[in-house]
Amino acid sequence: MITAAQLRAARVLLGIDQRRLAKLSGLSVPTIQRMEASETMVRGNVDSLVKLITALENAGIELIDDGANSDGGGRGVRLKARSEDRAEDKTSGGARTRK
């Protein structure tokens, strides 16, 4: 899965606009816009999500899931968990929901 924030950050890291990402992924610009406007997880049909993720990976983006280690080299971004999220994570056995 990919979040809207990851999608926007990936595009910024690559230095490309929505039109270029649409071309690289074979999706339409309105589809990219809709995906980036999502609240949290990007929603779309499986084929579109696969095209998007494949295009980002081919362009050099490594998508890092929440709490996962990154084994790849190079630079990246990750949003740190807020202190209350870390405390909640410890008390809930690892299950966490975003606010």
N, C-alpha and C. Protein backbone atom coordinates (compact mmCIF):
# COMPACT_ATOMS: atom_id res chain seq x y z
N MET A 1 0.84 -1.18 0.00
CA MET A 1 0.00 0.00 0.00
C MET A 1 0.88 1.25 0.00
N ILE A 2 0.31 2.33 -0.42
CA ILE A 2 1.01 3.61 -0.45
C ILE A 2 0.04 4.68 0.06
N THR A 3 0.57 5.59 0.85
CA THR A 3 -0.26 6.68 1.34
C THR A 3 -0.16 7.87 0.39
N ALA A 4 -1.11 8.76 0.48
CA ALA A 4 -1.08 9.96 -0.34
C ALA A 4 0.16 10.79 -0.03
N ALA A 5 0.54 10.84 1.24
CA ALA A 5 1.74 11.59 1.63
C ALA A 5 2.99 10.98 1.02
N GLN A 6 3.08 9.64 1.01
CA GLN A 6 4.23 8.98 0.39
C GLN A 6 4.27 9.29 -1.10
N LEU A 7 3.12 9.28 -1.73
CA LEU A 7 3.05 9.56 -3.17
C LEU A 7 3.54 10.97 -3.46
N ARG A 8 3.05 11.94 -2.71
CA ARG A 8 3.48 13.33 -2.93
C ARG A 8 4.98 13.48 -2.65
N ALA A 9 5.45 12.86 -1.56
CA ALA A 9 6.88 12.95 -1.22
C ALA A 9 7.74 12.30 -2.30
N ALA A 10 7.31 11.17 -2.81
CA ALA A 10 8.06 10.47 -3.86
C ALA A 10 8.18 11.35 -5.10
N ARG A 11 7.09 12.00 -5.44
CA ARG A 11 7.12 12.87 -6.62
C ARG A 11 8.09 14.03 -6.42
N VAL A 12 8.07 14.60 -5.21
CA VAL A 12 8.99 15.70 -4.90
C VAL A 12 10.44 15.21 -4.95
N LEU A 13 10.71 14.05 -4.36
CA LEU A 13 12.07 13.51 -4.39
C LEU A 13 12.57 13.29 -5.81
N LEU A 14 11.67 12.87 -6.68
CA LEU A 14 12.05 12.64 -8.07
C LEU A 14 12.12 13.94 -8.88
N GLY A 15 11.52 14.99 -8.34
CA GLY A 15 11.52 16.28 -9.05
C GLY A 15 10.63 16.26 -10.27
N ILE A 16 9.51 15.54 -10.18
CA ILE A 16 8.60 15.46 -11.32
C ILE A 16 7.22 15.98 -10.93
N ASP A 17 6.47 16.41 -11.92
CA ASP A 17 5.11 16.87 -11.66
C ASP A 17 4.11 15.74 -11.91
N GLN A 18 2.85 16.03 -11.64
CA GLN A 18 1.82 15.01 -11.81
C GLN A 18 1.73 14.53 -13.25
N ARG A 19 1.92 15.41 -14.18
CA ARG A 19 1.85 15.04 -15.60
C ARG A 19 2.93 14.02 -15.95
N ARG A 20 4.15 14.24 -15.46
CA ARG A 20 5.25 13.30 -15.74
C ARG A 20 5.00 11.95 -15.08
N LEU A 21 4.50 11.96 -13.82
CA LEU A 21 4.19 10.70 -13.15
C LEU A 21 3.08 9.95 -13.89
N ALA A 22 2.11 10.68 -14.39
CA ALA A 22 1.04 10.04 -15.16
C ALA A 22 1.61 9.35 -16.39
N LYS A 23 2.52 10.02 -17.06
CA LYS A 23 3.14 9.43 -18.26
C LYS A 23 3.98 8.20 -17.90
N LEU A 24 4.76 8.29 -16.82
CA LEU A 24 5.60 7.17 -16.41
C LEU A 24 4.79 5.95 -16.00
N SER A 25 3.62 6.19 -15.40
CA SER A 25 2.80 5.10 -14.89
C SER A 25 1.73 4.61 -15.85
N GLY A 26 1.48 5.37 -16.89
CA GLY A 26 0.41 5.01 -17.82
C GLY A 26 -0.97 5.32 -17.28
N LEU A 27 -1.03 6.20 -16.29
CA LEU A 27 -2.31 6.63 -15.72
C LEU A 27 -2.62 8.04 -16.19
N SER A 28 -3.85 8.48 -15.96
CA SER A 28 -4.23 9.83 -16.35
C SER A 28 -3.85 10.82 -15.25
N VAL A 29 -3.71 12.09 -15.63
CA VAL A 29 -3.42 13.13 -14.65
C VAL A 29 -4.54 13.22 -13.61
N PRO A 30 -5.83 13.17 -14.00
CA PRO A 30 -6.88 13.20 -12.97
C PRO A 30 -6.79 12.03 -11.99
N THR A 31 -6.34 10.86 -12.45
CA THR A 31 -6.17 9.72 -11.54
C THR A 31 -5.07 10.00 -10.53
N ILE A 32 -3.96 10.55 -10.99
CA ILE A 32 -2.86 10.92 -10.08
C ILE A 32 -3.35 11.97 -9.09
N GLN A 33 -4.08 12.96 -9.56
CA GLN A 33 -4.60 14.01 -8.68
C GLN A 33 -5.53 13.43 -7.63
N ARG A 34 -6.39 12.52 -8.03
CA ARG A 34 -7.33 11.90 -7.09
C ARG A 34 -6.56 11.08 -6.05
N MET A 35 -5.55 10.35 -6.49
CA MET A 35 -4.75 9.55 -5.56
C MET A 35 -4.04 10.44 -4.55
N GLU A 36 -3.47 11.54 -5.01
CA GLU A 36 -2.74 12.44 -4.11
C GLU A 36 -3.67 13.18 -3.16
N ALA A 37 -4.94 13.31 -3.53
CA ALA A 37 -5.90 14.02 -2.69
C ALA A 37 -6.53 13.12 -1.63
N SER A 38 -6.18 11.85 -1.63
CA SER A 38 -6.73 10.91 -0.64
C SER A 38 -6.37 11.37 0.76
N GLU A 39 -7.21 11.00 1.72
CA GLU A 39 -6.96 11.34 3.12
C GLU A 39 -5.73 10.60 3.66
N THR A 40 -5.68 9.30 3.49
CA THR A 40 -4.57 8.51 4.02
C THR A 40 -4.06 7.57 2.93
N MET A 41 -4.52 6.33 2.95
CA MET A 41 -4.09 5.35 1.96
C MET A 41 -4.67 5.71 0.59
N VAL A 42 -3.84 5.57 -0.43
CA VAL A 42 -4.29 5.83 -1.80
C VAL A 42 -5.27 4.73 -2.18
N ARG A 43 -6.41 5.15 -2.70
CA ARG A 43 -7.40 4.18 -3.14
C ARG A 43 -7.46 4.18 -4.66
N GLY A 44 -7.70 3.02 -5.19
CA GLY A 44 -7.82 2.88 -6.63
C GLY A 44 -7.91 1.41 -6.96
N ASN A 45 -8.14 1.12 -8.22
CA ASN A 45 -8.19 -0.30 -8.56
C ASN A 45 -6.77 -0.88 -8.52
N VAL A 46 -6.71 -2.16 -8.36
CA VAL A 46 -5.42 -2.84 -8.17
C VAL A 46 -4.48 -2.57 -9.33
N ASP A 47 -4.98 -2.62 -10.55
CA ASP A 47 -4.15 -2.39 -11.73
C ASP A 47 -3.50 -1.01 -11.69
N SER A 48 -4.27 0.01 -11.31
CA SER A 48 -3.74 1.37 -11.24
C SER A 48 -2.68 1.50 -10.15
N LEU A 49 -2.94 0.88 -9.00
CA LEU A 49 -1.97 0.94 -7.91
C LEU A 49 -0.67 0.23 -8.28
N VAL A 50 -0.78 -0.90 -8.96
CA VAL A 50 0.42 -1.63 -9.39
C VAL A 50 1.22 -0.78 -10.39
N LYS A 51 0.53 -0.16 -11.34
CA LYS A 51 1.21 0.71 -12.31
C LYS A 51 1.93 1.85 -11.61
N LEU A 52 1.26 2.46 -10.65
CA LEU A 52 1.83 3.59 -9.92
C LEU A 52 3.08 3.17 -9.14
N ILE A 53 2.96 2.12 -8.36
CA ILE A 53 4.08 1.66 -7.53
C ILE A 53 5.24 1.18 -8.39
N THR A 54 4.95 0.49 -9.48
CA THR A 54 6.00 0.04 -10.39
C THR A 54 6.74 1.22 -11.00
N ALA A 55 5.99 2.24 -11.41
CA ALA A 55 6.63 3.43 -11.99
C ALA A 55 7.53 4.12 -10.97
N LEU A 56 7.06 4.24 -9.74
CA LEU A 56 7.88 4.88 -8.69
C LEU A 56 9.13 4.06 -8.40
N GLU A 57 8.98 2.75 -8.29
CA GLU A 57 10.14 1.90 -8.03
C GLU A 57 11.12 1.94 -9.18
N ASN A 58 10.64 1.93 -10.42
CA ASN A 58 11.52 2.01 -11.59
C ASN A 58 12.27 3.33 -11.65
N ALA A 59 11.66 4.37 -11.08
CA ALA A 59 12.29 5.70 -11.06
C ALA A 59 13.26 5.85 -9.89
N GLY A 60 13.32 4.84 -9.00
CA GLY A 60 14.29 4.88 -7.91
C GLY A 60 13.72 5.11 -6.53
N ILE A 61 12.41 5.04 -6.38
CA ILE A 61 11.78 5.25 -5.08
C ILE A 61 11.63 3.91 -4.36
N GLU A 62 11.99 3.90 -3.07
CA GLU A 62 11.76 2.74 -2.22
C GLU A 62 10.65 3.11 -1.25
N LEU A 63 9.54 2.42 -1.30
CA LEU A 63 8.43 2.69 -0.39
C LEU A 63 8.67 1.94 0.91
N ILE A 64 8.62 2.66 2.02
CA ILE A 64 8.89 2.09 3.32
C ILE A 64 7.59 2.05 4.11
N ASP A 65 7.16 0.86 4.51
CA ASP A 65 5.96 0.73 5.32
C ASP A 65 6.21 1.26 6.72
N ASP A 66 5.14 1.64 7.41
CA ASP A 66 5.22 2.13 8.77
C ASP A 66 5.92 1.10 9.66
N GLY A 67 6.97 1.51 10.32
CA GLY A 67 7.69 0.62 11.23
C GLY A 67 8.69 -0.31 10.58
N ALA A 68 8.80 -0.27 9.26
CA ALA A 68 9.71 -1.18 8.55
C ALA A 68 11.11 -0.57 8.44
N ASN A 69 12.10 -1.43 8.39
CA ASN A 69 13.47 -1.00 8.14
C ASN A 69 13.66 -0.82 6.64
N SER A 70 14.58 0.03 6.29
CA SER A 70 14.93 0.22 4.89
C SER A 70 16.29 -0.41 4.66
N ASP A 71 16.33 -1.44 3.84
CA ASP A 71 17.59 -2.12 3.56
C ASP A 71 18.34 -1.51 2.39
N GLY A 72 17.65 -0.68 1.63
CA GLY A 72 18.28 -0.07 0.46
C GLY A 72 19.19 1.08 0.84
N GLY A 73 20.08 1.40 -0.05
CA GLY A 73 20.95 2.54 0.18
C GLY A 73 20.29 3.80 -0.32
N GLY A 74 20.95 4.91 -0.16
CA GLY A 74 20.43 6.17 -0.65
C GLY A 74 19.63 6.92 0.40
N ARG A 75 19.16 8.06 0.00
CA ARG A 75 18.42 8.93 0.90
C ARG A 75 16.95 8.57 0.88
N GLY A 76 16.24 9.00 1.90
CA GLY A 76 14.81 8.75 1.96
C GLY A 76 14.16 9.63 3.02
N VAL A 77 12.89 9.54 3.11
CA VAL A 77 12.16 10.28 4.14
C VAL A 77 11.22 9.33 4.84
N ARG A 78 11.02 9.62 6.10
CA ARG A 78 10.07 8.86 6.90
C ARG A 78 9.52 9.82 7.94
N LEU A 79 8.24 9.76 8.18
CA LEU A 79 7.62 10.58 9.20
C LEU A 79 7.81 9.91 10.55
N LYS A 80 8.42 10.61 11.48
CA LYS A 80 8.62 10.06 12.82
C LYS A 80 7.28 9.91 13.51
N ALA A 81 7.16 8.88 14.32
CA ALA A 81 5.95 8.73 15.13
C ALA A 81 5.98 9.79 16.20
N ARG A 82 4.83 10.39 16.48
CA ARG A 82 4.74 11.37 17.55
C ARG A 82 4.88 10.65 18.88
N SER A 83 5.29 11.36 19.92
CA SER A 83 5.52 10.73 21.21
C SER A 83 4.27 10.04 21.74
N GLU A 84 3.08 10.62 21.53
CA GLU A 84 1.87 9.95 22.02
C GLU A 84 1.58 8.69 21.21
N ASP A 85 1.98 8.67 19.93
CA ASP A 85 1.82 7.46 19.12
C ASP A 85 2.70 6.34 19.65
N ARG A 86 3.94 6.68 20.03
CA ARG A 86 4.85 5.66 20.54
C ARG A 86 4.34 5.11 21.86
N ALA A 87 3.82 5.98 22.74
CA ALA A 87 3.29 5.52 24.02
C ALA A 87 2.07 4.64 23.79
N GLU A 88 1.19 5.04 22.87
CA GLU A 88 0.00 4.25 22.55
C GLU A 88 0.39 2.91 21.95
N ASP A 89 1.43 2.92 21.12
CA ASP A 89 1.89 1.69 20.48
C ASP A 89 2.35 0.68 21.53
N LYS A 90 3.03 1.15 22.57
CA LYS A 90 3.52 0.26 23.62
C LYS A 90 2.37 -0.32 24.45
N THR A 91 1.33 0.47 24.68
CA THR A 91 0.22 -0.01 25.52
C THR A 91 -0.77 -0.85 24.75
N SER A 92 -0.77 -0.73 23.43
CA SER A 92 -1.76 -1.48 22.63
C SER A 92 -1.15 -2.71 21.96
N GLY A 93 0.06 -3.04 22.30
CA GLY A 93 0.69 -4.22 21.72
C GLY A 93 1.08 -4.06 20.28
N GLY A 94 1.27 -2.82 19.84
CA GLY A 94 1.73 -2.59 18.48
C GLY A 94 0.66 -2.14 17.51
N ALA A 95 -0.60 -2.30 17.86
CA ALA A 95 -1.68 -1.86 16.97
C ALA A 95 -1.86 -0.37 17.14
N ARG A 96 -1.88 0.34 16.04
CA ARG A 96 -1.98 1.79 16.12
C ARG A 96 -2.85 2.29 15.00
N THR A 97 -3.67 3.27 15.29
CA THR A 97 -4.48 3.91 14.27
C THR A 97 -4.09 5.36 14.19
N ARG A 98 -4.12 5.92 13.00
CA ARG A 98 -3.79 7.34 12.79
C ARG A 98 -4.99 8.19 13.17
N LYS A 99 -4.69 9.34 13.69
CA LYS A 99 -5.74 10.30 14.09
C LYS A 99 -6.00 11.27 13.00
